[in-house]
Protein backbone atom coordinates (compact mmCIF):
# COMPACT_ATOMS: atom_id res chain seq x y z
CA SER A 1 90.82 70.12 94.56
CA ARG A 2 88.11 72.69 94.17
CA SER A 3 90.56 75.62 94.11
CA SER A 4 92.74 74.01 91.47
CA LEU A 5 89.67 73.28 89.41
CA LEU A 6 88.65 76.94 89.60
CA VAL A 7 92.12 78.03 88.45
CA PHE A 8 91.97 75.51 85.62
CA VAL A 9 88.64 76.85 84.45
CA HIS A 10 89.57 80.54 84.86
CA GLN A 11 92.84 80.52 82.94
CA PRO A 12 91.42 79.40 79.54
CA ASN A 13 88.74 82.13 79.79
CA LYS A 14 91.40 84.79 80.33
CA ALA A 15 93.48 83.51 77.44
CA SER A 16 90.40 83.39 75.22
CA GLY A 17 89.50 87.02 76.06
CA THR A 18 93.05 88.16 75.31
CA LEU A 19 92.98 86.32 71.97
CA MET A 20 89.68 87.96 71.05
CA LEU A 21 91.06 91.40 71.90
CA ARG A 22 94.10 90.76 69.74
CA ARG A 23 91.95 89.64 66.81
CA PHE A 24 89.70 92.68 67.25
CA GLY A 25 92.76 94.94 67.36
CA ARG A 26 94.22 93.43 64.19
CA ARG A 27 90.92 93.75 62.34
CA THR A 28 90.52 97.33 63.50
CA VAL A 29 94.00 98.19 62.28
CA LYS A 30 93.23 96.59 58.91
CA VAL A 31 89.92 98.42 58.55
CA VAL A 32 91.46 101.73 59.54
CA GLY A 33 94.42 101.13 57.26
CA PHE A 34 92.31 100.21 54.25
CA SER A 35 89.89 103.08 54.93
CA GLY A 36 92.77 105.54 55.24
CA ALA A 37 94.30 104.24 52.02
CA ALA A 38 90.95 104.55 50.23
CA VAL A 39 90.39 108.10 51.49
CA GLY A 40 93.96 109.05 50.60
CA THR A 41 93.59 107.58 47.12
CA VAL A 42 90.36 109.48 46.52
CA ALA A 43 91.93 112.70 47.83
CA LEU A 44 94.99 112.24 45.61
CA ALA A 45 92.81 111.48 42.59
CA ASN A 46 90.79 114.62 43.31
CA ILE A 47 93.99 116.69 43.49
CA TRP A 48 95.20 115.17 40.23
CA LEU A 49 91.93 115.67 38.37
CA ASN A 50 91.77 119.30 39.49
CA ASP A 51 95.37 119.92 38.41
CA ASP A 52 96.62 120.72 41.93
CA LEU A 53 99.52 118.26 42.25
CA ASP A 54 101.87 121.25 42.22
CA ASP A 55 100.53 122.16 45.68
CA LEU A 56 102.20 119.05 47.11
CA LYS A 57 105.47 119.86 45.40
CA TYR A 58 105.37 123.49 46.57
CA ALA A 59 104.67 122.46 50.16
CA ALA A 60 107.75 120.20 50.07
CA THR A 61 110.15 122.63 48.36
CA ARG A 62 109.07 125.91 49.93
CA PRO A 63 111.16 125.48 53.14
CA PHE A 64 114.33 125.18 51.03
CA TYR A 65 113.53 128.44 49.22
CA ALA A 66 112.74 130.12 52.54
CA PHE A 67 116.07 129.14 54.11
CA SER A 68 118.19 129.87 51.05
CA LYS A 69 116.93 133.44 50.58
CA PRO A 70 115.95 136.24 52.97
CA ARG A 71 112.25 136.54 53.59
CA PRO A 72 110.86 139.22 51.25
CA GLU A 73 108.51 141.96 52.35
CA ARG A 74 104.87 141.02 51.85
CA LYS A 75 103.50 142.69 48.75
CA LYS A 76 99.93 143.89 48.45
CA VAL A 77 97.76 142.04 45.96
CA VAL A 78 94.22 143.26 45.26
CA ILE A 79 91.93 140.85 43.42
CA LEU A 80 88.72 142.22 41.96
CA GLY A 81 86.06 139.53 41.64
CA SER A 82 84.91 136.32 43.31
CA GLY A 83 84.40 133.95 40.40
CA TRP A 84 86.31 130.95 39.07
CA GLY A 85 89.43 132.87 38.10
CA ALA A 86 89.70 134.89 41.29
CA LEU A 87 89.13 131.99 43.67
CA SER A 88 91.44 129.63 41.76
CA LEU A 89 94.14 132.29 42.08
CA VAL A 90 93.55 132.92 45.79
CA LYS A 91 93.81 129.21 46.60
CA LYS A 92 97.32 129.20 45.08
CA MET A 93 98.54 132.37 46.82
CA ASP A 94 101.10 132.12 49.63
CA ALA A 95 99.89 134.29 52.55
CA ARG A 96 103.45 134.47 53.90
CA LEU A 97 104.52 136.33 50.77
CA TYR A 98 101.47 138.43 49.92
CA ASP A 99 98.83 140.49 51.66
CA VAL A 100 95.82 139.45 49.57
CA LYS A 101 92.55 141.36 49.50
CA VAL A 102 89.56 140.06 47.53
CA VAL A 103 87.13 142.84 46.57
CA SER A 104 83.68 141.90 45.33
CA PRO A 105 80.07 143.00 45.90
CA ARG A 106 79.22 139.30 46.20
CA PRO A 107 80.48 137.73 49.46
CA PHE A 108 80.41 134.22 48.08
CA PHE A 109 81.58 132.06 45.21
CA PHE A 110 78.83 130.18 43.43
CA TYR A 111 79.07 127.04 41.33
CA THR A 112 77.85 128.11 37.90
CA PRO A 113 77.38 124.62 36.31
CA LEU A 114 74.55 123.86 38.74
CA LEU A 115 72.77 127.22 38.43
CA CYS A 116 70.18 125.87 35.97
CA GLY A 117 69.31 123.08 38.38
CA SER A 118 68.64 125.59 41.15
CA THR A 119 65.85 127.21 39.10
CA THR A 120 63.73 124.06 39.26
CA GLY A 121 64.71 122.81 42.72
CA VAL A 122 67.09 120.01 41.74
CA VAL A 123 69.57 121.69 44.07
CA SER A 124 68.95 124.56 46.46
CA SER A 125 70.67 127.90 45.99
CA ARG A 126 72.49 127.54 49.31
CA ALA A 127 74.03 124.26 48.10
CA ILE A 128 75.97 125.91 45.27
CA ILE A 129 77.49 128.86 47.14
CA GLU A 130 80.62 129.01 49.26
CA PRO A 131 81.56 132.00 51.48
CA ILE A 132 84.69 133.69 50.18
CA ARG A 133 86.25 133.93 53.65
CA GLU A 134 86.10 130.13 53.95
CA VAL A 135 87.35 129.44 50.43
CA SER A 136 90.27 131.89 50.70
CA PRO A 137 91.77 131.69 54.21
CA SER A 138 95.01 133.12 52.82
CA GLY A 139 93.36 136.46 52.02
CA SER A 140 90.94 138.97 53.47
CA TYR A 141 87.63 139.99 51.90
CA VAL A 142 86.11 143.44 51.31
CA ARG A 143 82.46 143.63 50.25
CA ALA A 144 82.53 146.50 47.80
CA GLU A 145 82.53 147.29 44.11
CA CYS A 146 85.53 148.87 42.44
CA SER A 147 84.65 152.24 40.94
CA ASN A 148 88.04 153.62 39.93
CA VAL A 149 91.65 152.54 39.33
CA ASP A 150 94.71 154.79 39.34
CA LEU A 151 97.37 152.88 37.43
CA ASP A 152 100.05 155.52 38.06
CA LYS A 153 99.66 155.79 41.83
CA ARG A 154 98.68 152.12 42.16
CA TYR A 155 95.46 152.21 44.11
CA VAL A 156 91.81 151.31 43.61
CA VAL A 157 88.71 153.05 44.96
CA CYS A 158 85.96 150.72 46.10
CA LYS A 159 82.43 151.56 47.19
CA ASP A 160 80.03 149.71 49.46
CA SER A 161 76.71 149.85 47.62
CA ALA A 162 74.75 149.38 50.87
CA THR A 163 76.16 152.43 52.68
CA GLY A 164 77.92 154.42 49.97
CA VAL A 165 81.18 154.36 51.96
CA GLU A 166 84.32 154.45 49.81
CA VAL A 167 87.65 152.87 50.66
CA GLN A 168 91.02 153.27 48.95
CA LEU A 169 93.24 150.21 48.66
CA ASP A 170 96.88 150.43 47.59
CA TYR A 171 98.40 147.59 45.60
CA ASP A 172 101.65 146.27 44.22
CA HIS A 173 99.79 143.87 41.94
CA LEU A 174 96.20 144.20 40.73
CA VAL A 175 94.26 141.25 39.32
CA ILE A 176 91.01 142.01 37.50
CA ALA A 177 88.59 139.09 37.41
CA VAL A 178 85.21 140.83 37.46
CA GLY A 179 83.67 138.57 34.83
CA ALA A 180 81.03 139.71 32.35
CA GLN A 181 77.35 140.61 32.29
CA PRO A 182 74.48 139.49 30.04
CA ASN A 183 74.62 141.00 26.58
CA THR A 184 71.28 142.16 25.17
CA PHE A 185 72.82 143.38 21.88
CA GLY A 186 70.72 146.53 22.17
CA ILE A 187 67.45 144.70 21.46
CA PRO A 188 64.55 146.77 22.79
CA GLY A 189 62.75 145.40 25.84
CA VAL A 190 65.20 142.65 26.80
CA ASP A 191 66.65 144.58 29.76
CA LYS A 192 63.21 145.53 31.06
CA TYR A 193 61.14 142.39 30.49
CA GLY A 194 63.61 139.53 30.11
CA LEU A 195 65.09 137.37 32.87
CA PHE A 196 68.80 136.56 32.94
CA LEU A 197 70.64 133.50 34.24
CA LYS A 198 74.15 134.63 35.18
CA GLU A 199 74.06 135.03 38.98
CA VAL A 200 72.49 133.22 41.93
CA GLU A 201 69.98 136.07 42.29
CA HIS A 202 68.96 135.50 38.68
CA GLY A 203 68.29 131.83 39.39
CA ILE A 204 66.10 132.71 42.38
CA LYS A 205 64.20 135.27 40.30
CA VAL A 206 63.65 132.78 37.46
CA ARG A 207 62.36 130.14 39.88
CA LYS A 208 59.99 132.68 41.42
CA LYS A 209 58.68 133.66 37.98
CA ILE A 210 58.11 130.04 36.89
CA LEU A 211 56.18 129.12 40.02
CA ASN A 212 54.10 132.29 39.91
CA CYS A 213 53.23 131.66 36.25
CA LEU A 214 51.98 128.20 37.17
CA GLU A 215 49.80 129.49 40.00
CA SER A 216 48.44 132.38 37.92
CA ALA A 217 47.71 130.04 35.00
CA ASN A 218 45.75 127.75 37.29
CA THR A 219 43.73 130.74 38.53
CA ALA A 220 43.10 131.85 34.92
CA ARG A 221 41.89 128.33 34.10
CA LEU A 222 39.39 128.41 36.93
CA ALA A 223 38.22 131.84 35.75
CA GLY A 224 37.68 130.48 32.23
CA ASP A 225 40.37 132.70 30.65
CA GLU A 226 42.05 130.10 28.43
CA GLU A 227 44.01 132.68 26.40
CA GLN A 228 45.68 134.07 29.52
CA MET A 229 46.37 130.56 30.77
CA ARG A 230 48.13 129.56 27.54
CA LYS A 231 50.20 132.74 27.53
CA LEU A 232 51.40 132.20 31.10
CA LEU A 233 52.37 128.60 30.36
CA ASN A 234 54.66 129.41 27.40
CA PHE A 235 58.24 129.67 28.62
CA VAL A 236 60.62 131.18 26.05
CA VAL A 237 64.40 130.65 26.31
CA VAL A 238 66.67 132.72 24.04
CA GLY A 239 70.13 131.25 23.42
CA GLY A 240 71.14 127.80 22.20
CA GLY A 241 74.42 127.46 24.10
CA PRO A 242 75.05 125.13 27.07
CA THR A 243 73.14 127.34 29.53
CA GLY A 244 70.10 127.64 27.27
CA VAL A 245 70.02 123.92 26.50
CA GLU A 246 70.50 122.90 30.13
CA PHE A 247 67.83 125.28 31.37
CA CYS A 248 65.35 124.00 28.77
CA ALA A 249 66.17 120.43 29.78
CA GLU A 250 65.78 121.13 33.51
CA LEU A 251 62.54 123.05 32.94
CA SER A 252 61.09 120.33 30.71
CA ASP A 253 61.91 117.67 33.32
CA PHE A 254 60.29 119.78 36.02
CA LEU A 255 57.12 120.48 34.05
CA SER A 256 56.62 116.92 32.79
CA THR A 257 57.02 115.25 36.19
CA ASP A 258 56.57 117.29 39.37
CA VAL A 259 54.39 120.07 37.94
CA VAL A 260 52.09 117.67 36.10
CA ALA A 261 51.56 115.77 39.33
CA GLN A 262 50.47 118.95 41.10
CA PHE A 263 48.68 120.65 38.19
CA PRO A 264 47.26 117.82 36.03
CA GLU A 265 44.75 120.18 34.41
CA LEU A 266 47.60 122.24 32.92
CA LYS A 267 49.43 119.29 31.37
CA ASP A 268 48.32 119.85 27.76
CA HIS A 269 48.97 123.59 27.78
CA MET A 270 52.56 123.89 29.06
CA LYS A 271 55.14 124.74 26.42
CA VAL A 272 58.88 125.45 26.29
CA THR A 273 60.30 127.32 23.27
CA LEU A 274 64.04 127.55 22.55
CA VAL A 275 65.10 130.37 20.21
CA GLU A 276 68.57 130.42 18.59
CA ALA A 277 69.81 132.81 15.91
CA LEU A 278 72.45 130.40 14.57
CA PRO A 279 71.70 127.30 12.47
CA ASN A 280 72.83 124.84 15.18
CA LEU A 281 72.59 124.28 18.92
CA LEU A 282 75.72 123.98 21.06
CA ASN A 283 78.09 125.46 18.48
CA MET A 284 81.14 124.78 20.69
CA PHE A 285 80.43 121.03 20.28
CA HIS A 286 80.79 118.92 17.16
CA THR A 287 77.85 119.38 14.78
CA SER A 288 76.76 115.78 15.29
CA ILE A 289 76.16 116.51 18.98
CA GLY A 290 74.14 119.62 18.17
CA THR A 291 71.96 117.59 15.80
CA TYR A 292 71.47 114.86 18.40
CA VAL A 293 70.58 117.36 21.13
CA GLN A 294 68.09 119.14 18.86
CA ALA A 295 66.31 115.86 18.14
CA HIS A 296 66.36 114.90 21.82
CA LEU A 297 64.87 118.22 22.94
CA THR A 298 62.21 118.05 20.24
CA GLU A 299 61.29 114.56 21.39
CA GLN A 300 60.67 116.01 24.87
CA GLY A 301 58.18 118.46 23.39
CA ILE A 302 60.46 121.52 23.34
CA ASP A 303 59.84 123.80 20.35
CA VAL A 304 63.35 124.43 18.95
CA ARG A 305 63.54 127.37 16.55
CA LEU A 306 66.87 127.83 14.78
CA LYS A 307 67.88 130.75 12.55
CA THR A 308 65.38 132.85 14.50
CA MET A 309 66.27 136.30 15.81
CA VAL A 310 64.61 138.28 18.58
CA LYS A 311 63.84 141.81 17.36
CA GLU A 312 61.87 143.20 20.32
CA VAL A 313 60.43 142.15 23.67
CA THR A 314 57.26 143.69 25.10
CA PRO A 315 55.59 142.95 28.47
CA ASP A 316 53.69 139.94 27.13
CA GLN A 317 55.07 139.26 23.64
CA VAL A 318 58.37 138.53 21.92
CA HIS A 319 58.71 139.56 18.28
CA LEU A 320 60.76 137.16 16.16
CA LYS A 321 62.34 137.31 12.73
CA MET A 322 62.11 133.85 11.22
CA ALA A 323 64.58 132.11 8.92
CA ASP A 324 62.55 133.07 5.84
CA GLY A 325 62.57 136.75 6.85
CA THR A 326 58.97 136.91 8.02
CA MET A 327 58.02 138.38 11.41
CA GLN A 328 56.12 136.49 14.07
CA SER A 329 54.87 137.52 17.53
CA MET A 330 54.65 135.03 20.37
CA ASP A 331 52.95 135.37 23.76
CA TYR A 332 54.99 134.31 26.78
CA GLY A 333 54.70 133.96 30.51
CA ALA A 334 58.43 134.11 31.20
CA LEU A 335 61.34 134.92 28.87
CA VAL A 336 64.84 133.85 29.91
CA TRP A 337 67.73 135.50 28.04
CA VAL A 338 70.97 133.49 27.87
CA ALA A 339 72.20 134.65 24.47
CA GLY A 340 75.67 135.88 25.34
CA VAL A 341 77.83 138.05 27.60
CA GLY A 342 79.40 141.48 27.31
CA MET A 343 81.69 143.88 29.16
CA ARG A 344 80.78 145.23 32.56
CA PRO A 345 80.76 149.06 32.89
CA PHE A 346 83.90 148.91 35.08
CA THR A 347 85.80 146.92 32.44
CA LYS A 348 84.70 149.30 29.71
CA ALA A 349 85.77 152.35 31.75
CA LEU A 350 89.18 150.82 32.43
CA CYS A 351 89.69 150.02 28.74
CA GLU A 352 88.85 153.61 27.85
CA GLY A 353 91.10 154.88 30.65
CA ILE A 354 94.11 152.99 29.30
CA GLY A 355 93.24 154.10 25.79
CA LYS A 356 93.42 152.74 22.27
CA GLU A 357 96.80 154.36 21.77
CA LYS A 358 98.22 151.97 24.39
CA GLY A 359 96.66 148.90 22.83
CA GLN A 360 93.17 148.56 24.36
CA THR A 361 91.31 148.32 21.08
CA ASP A 362 88.96 145.37 21.64
CA ARG A 363 85.28 145.94 22.37
CA ARG A 364 84.91 142.60 24.18
CA GLY A 365 87.14 143.29 27.19
CA LEU A 366 90.67 143.95 28.44
CA LEU A 367 93.37 142.85 26.03
CA VAL A 368 96.10 140.84 27.73
CA ASP A 369 99.37 139.32 26.57
CA GLU A 370 100.13 135.61 26.65
CA CYS A 371 101.00 135.87 30.36
CA LEU A 372 97.67 137.58 31.21
CA ARG A 373 99.33 140.99 31.75
CA VAL A 374 97.01 143.85 30.77
CA THR A 375 98.16 145.58 27.59
CA GLY A 376 99.03 149.24 28.15
CA ALA A 377 99.46 148.92 31.94
CA PRO A 378 102.83 148.87 33.74
CA VAL A 379 104.41 145.46 33.13
CA GLY A 380 103.86 143.00 35.95
CA GLU A 381 101.48 145.24 37.90
CA VAL A 382 98.04 144.65 36.37
CA PHE A 383 96.62 141.30 35.25
CA ALA A 384 93.21 140.26 33.91
CA LEU A 385 91.66 136.83 33.58
CA GLY A 386 88.34 135.13 32.99
CA ASP A 387 85.42 136.59 31.07
CA CYS A 388 86.64 140.20 31.34
CA ALA A 389 89.93 139.41 29.57
CA VAL A 390 90.47 139.01 25.83
CA SER A 391 93.09 136.26 25.74
CA GLY A 392 92.07 134.28 22.68
CA GLN A 393 90.11 131.79 24.76
CA ALA A 394 86.37 131.28 25.16
CA PRO A 395 84.66 132.93 28.15
CA THR A 396 84.09 129.73 30.13
CA ALA A 397 84.58 128.65 33.74
CA GLN A 398 87.17 126.07 32.65
CA VAL A 399 89.33 128.75 31.05
CA ALA A 400 89.02 131.14 34.01
CA ALA A 401 89.92 128.43 36.54
CA GLN A 402 93.04 127.42 34.60
CA GLN A 403 94.08 131.05 34.19
CA GLY A 404 93.71 131.61 37.94
CA LYS A 405 95.89 128.62 38.74
CA TYR A 406 98.48 129.66 36.17
CA LEU A 407 98.73 133.15 37.67
CA GLY A 408 98.84 131.75 41.21
CA ARG A 409 101.85 129.59 40.32
CA MET A 410 103.56 132.63 38.84
CA PHE A 411 103.31 134.41 42.20
CA ARG A 412 104.82 131.56 44.18
CA LEU A 413 108.26 131.56 45.76
CA GLY A 414 110.90 130.72 43.19
CA CYS A 415 108.73 131.78 40.23
CA GLN A 416 108.19 135.47 41.01
CA HIS A 417 110.68 136.59 38.37
CA SER A 418 108.15 135.50 35.73
CA ILE A 419 105.75 138.27 36.80
CA THR A 420 107.74 140.82 34.80
CA ASP A 421 109.87 138.53 32.63
CA PRO A 422 109.03 139.07 28.93
CA GLN A 423 110.27 135.53 28.25
CA ALA A 424 108.07 133.93 30.92
CA GLU A 425 106.28 130.73 30.05
CA PRO A 426 102.92 131.73 28.55
CA PHE A 427 99.52 130.50 29.63
CA ARG A 428 98.52 127.35 27.77
CA TYR A 429 94.91 126.31 27.93
CA ASN A 430 94.28 122.59 28.31
CA HIS A 431 90.80 121.91 26.97
CA GLN A 432 89.56 118.80 28.73
CA GLY A 433 86.09 118.74 27.27
CA THR A 434 82.63 120.26 27.18
CA MET A 435 79.47 118.90 28.75
CA ALA A 436 75.77 119.71 28.94
CA TYR A 437 72.68 118.17 30.51
CA ILE A 438 70.02 117.60 27.84
CA GLY A 439 67.07 116.27 29.85
CA LYS A 440 65.45 112.95 30.77
CA GLY A 441 68.57 111.76 32.58
CA GLU A 442 70.80 112.18 29.53
CA GLY A 443 73.88 114.28 28.88
CA ALA A 444 76.09 115.29 25.98
CA THR A 445 79.81 115.01 26.67
CA GLU A 446 82.77 115.78 24.44
CA MET A 447 86.13 115.01 26.06
CA ASP A 448 89.77 114.82 25.12
CA PRO A 449 91.13 111.81 27.09
CA ASN A 450 94.71 112.75 26.34
CA SER A 451 94.23 116.18 27.96
CA ILE A 452 92.74 114.63 31.08
CA ILE A 453 95.30 111.84 31.50
CA LYS A 454 98.06 114.28 30.47
CA LEU A 455 100.30 111.91 28.54
CA GLY A 456 101.02 114.58 25.95
CA ARG A 457 101.93 113.92 22.33
CA SER A 458 104.27 110.98 22.09
CA SER A 459 104.78 107.62 20.46
CA ILE A 460 102.63 106.13 23.22
CA THR A 461 99.59 108.27 22.51
CA ASP A 462 99.96 107.72 18.77
CA HIS A 463 100.14 103.94 19.15
CA TRP A 464 97.23 101.99 17.67
CA TRP A 465 96.13 100.42 20.97
CA TRP A 466 95.94 103.83 22.67
CA ARG A 467 94.10 105.55 19.86
CA SER A 468 91.72 102.61 19.61
CA LEU A 469 90.41 103.57 23.06
CA TYR A 470 88.82 106.73 21.69
CA GLY A 471 89.06 106.39 17.90
CA ASP A 472 91.05 108.37 15.38
CA SER A 473 89.61 111.65 16.65
CA ASP A 474 91.05 113.36 19.71
CA GLN A 475 87.51 114.01 20.94
CA LEU A 476 85.51 111.31 22.70
CA ARG A 477 81.77 111.99 22.28
CA ILE A 478 79.36 110.33 24.69
CA MET A 479 75.61 110.90 24.76
CA GLY A 480 72.79 109.43 26.82
CA PRO A 481 72.77 108.21 30.45
CA VAL A 482 76.53 107.59 30.42
CA GLY A 483 77.10 111.18 29.33
CA PHE A 484 74.86 112.32 32.19
CA ALA A 485 76.83 110.21 34.68
CA ILE A 486 80.08 111.78 33.47
CA TRP A 487 78.50 115.26 33.63
CA ARG A 488 77.49 114.81 37.25
CA SER A 489 80.72 113.08 38.31
CA VAL A 490 83.00 115.72 36.83
CA TYR A 491 81.06 118.68 38.20
CA PHE A 492 80.75 117.03 41.61
CA SER A 493 84.53 116.62 41.74
CA LYS A 494 84.97 120.34 41.01
CA LEU A 495 83.03 121.47 44.09
CA PHE A 496 85.34 123.33 46.45
CA SER A 497 84.37 122.05 49.90
CA GLY A 498 83.16 118.90 51.59
CA ARG A 499 80.13 120.81 52.83
CA ASN A 500 79.11 121.70 49.28
CA ARG A 501 79.55 118.11 48.16
CA PHE A 502 77.46 116.80 51.02
CA THR A 503 74.69 119.34 50.41
CA VAL A 504 74.61 118.82 46.64
CA ALA A 505 74.63 115.03 47.00
CA SER A 506 71.80 115.28 49.56
CA ASP A 507 69.76 117.43 47.17
CA TRP A 508 70.30 114.98 44.31
CA ILE A 509 69.16 112.08 46.53
CA ARG A 510 66.16 114.06 47.75
CA THR A 511 65.15 114.90 44.17
CA THR A 512 65.51 111.27 43.06
CA PHE A 513 63.25 109.88 45.78
CA PHE A 514 60.86 112.75 46.51
CA GLY A 515 60.95 114.98 43.42
CA ARG A 516 61.33 118.74 43.16
CA PRO A 517 59.22 121.07 45.29
CA VAL A 518 56.54 122.94 43.31
CA ALA A 519 56.35 125.72 45.90
CA SER A 520 58.99 128.00 47.34
CA PRO A 521 59.37 130.79 49.93
CA VAL A 522 60.39 133.11 47.07
CA MET A 523 56.87 132.99 45.62
CA THR A 524 54.64 136.05 45.86
CA ASN A 525 51.40 137.10 44.25
CA GLN A 526 53.17 139.83 42.30
């Protein structure tokens, strides 16, 4: 009948729809499962690469410590600074055990490895900063600069530079991580006429100066003043370390591509000069890398001058002492000084306050013991890390970050006895490698695979098949595009937040397809 026919036709359609829904459900579960596994794997790899696996262990074991012992009174921890060391420490602190206050005149952490790129527009300044209050939810933030420390009464006096208001903060533990400042070595004129590259504000100022030099040089060309044009287009960089090399590379890329497209008439007059007092570039690398980088920079048209010392800087000239002892004066449009770092006035005052008789005898910073406790201060009360501390390690971000994590673990539940224990496990620096961008899409990378993979010294790592992966030397040296890929990948993985990673990745994509902007809101006619 007609009704039975309708039922016959309707039932297969219903069964078919149900089957399709089941298939769709199974596929959705598979996609979600695989996606979740992929995201989890990436997150775990990120935790492992950044040496934060102990966070998982602490999260699992902390409840047992909490139940087995009475909850201690929250101690006051004051952290001076907002750099690598300070923020790495704060991220390890347990807010249930400590009342943490971060004191710094800078309300943000900024990602120093990408600072050179911000001067030419590869990344924007906002992409490499992270508000302290978001990075350190376990602590509170005070925008001020520490002006005095009373080690006996255990308090610090901090001053807001905007209003002049002073605030006194008591502490049980004080951590000094104020970093360092550019060192001019007393050379006349550097402070007044040179540009530095240590803070975000420095990067903005350098970018402003570069763009204004280009515009002024173009105006001088139109006016027929060729001498003024050439002077404005000579950019001098003093310091052959990673920052100096990377800035020269970024600047050379910028001038030879985006600037030439906008100012074709200036193409043959632009010049970058790199001045280094030592006989090699990148002295923290193997000499073969320094030689390769020198040749690579020279090939890009950068004038590399080794064994050359700056004796004086005037408003429009830099006076140089050459390798043969002769003096030479050079006109410049902008001079960027990245030749080293020195103590901040606060660090110097604290060293003098503790006194040489109590062990503070080093002119480079605060002497600390192997557990980062400040020499001459009450044991377990005052610590120093990063560039302001003299610990036997180089003043690098890698060292400061590891020191911050080491100290953070010391303050965790179950390990607090090590704060004052003279037999506590000392800080051990794990050097994973050194990298630098050298221009034209190339990088110089020197890594220790064993330090990254963390297999330690054993019969496995000494076996021929393992050592054959990176040769007889512990250091793996990679130059060229592969080195650049490693440079970007490693530094991208070190960014603190997803927002930073998204913004930096977006800037890199924008630069690749559309180039760097040759104008900026920071430009003025001054």
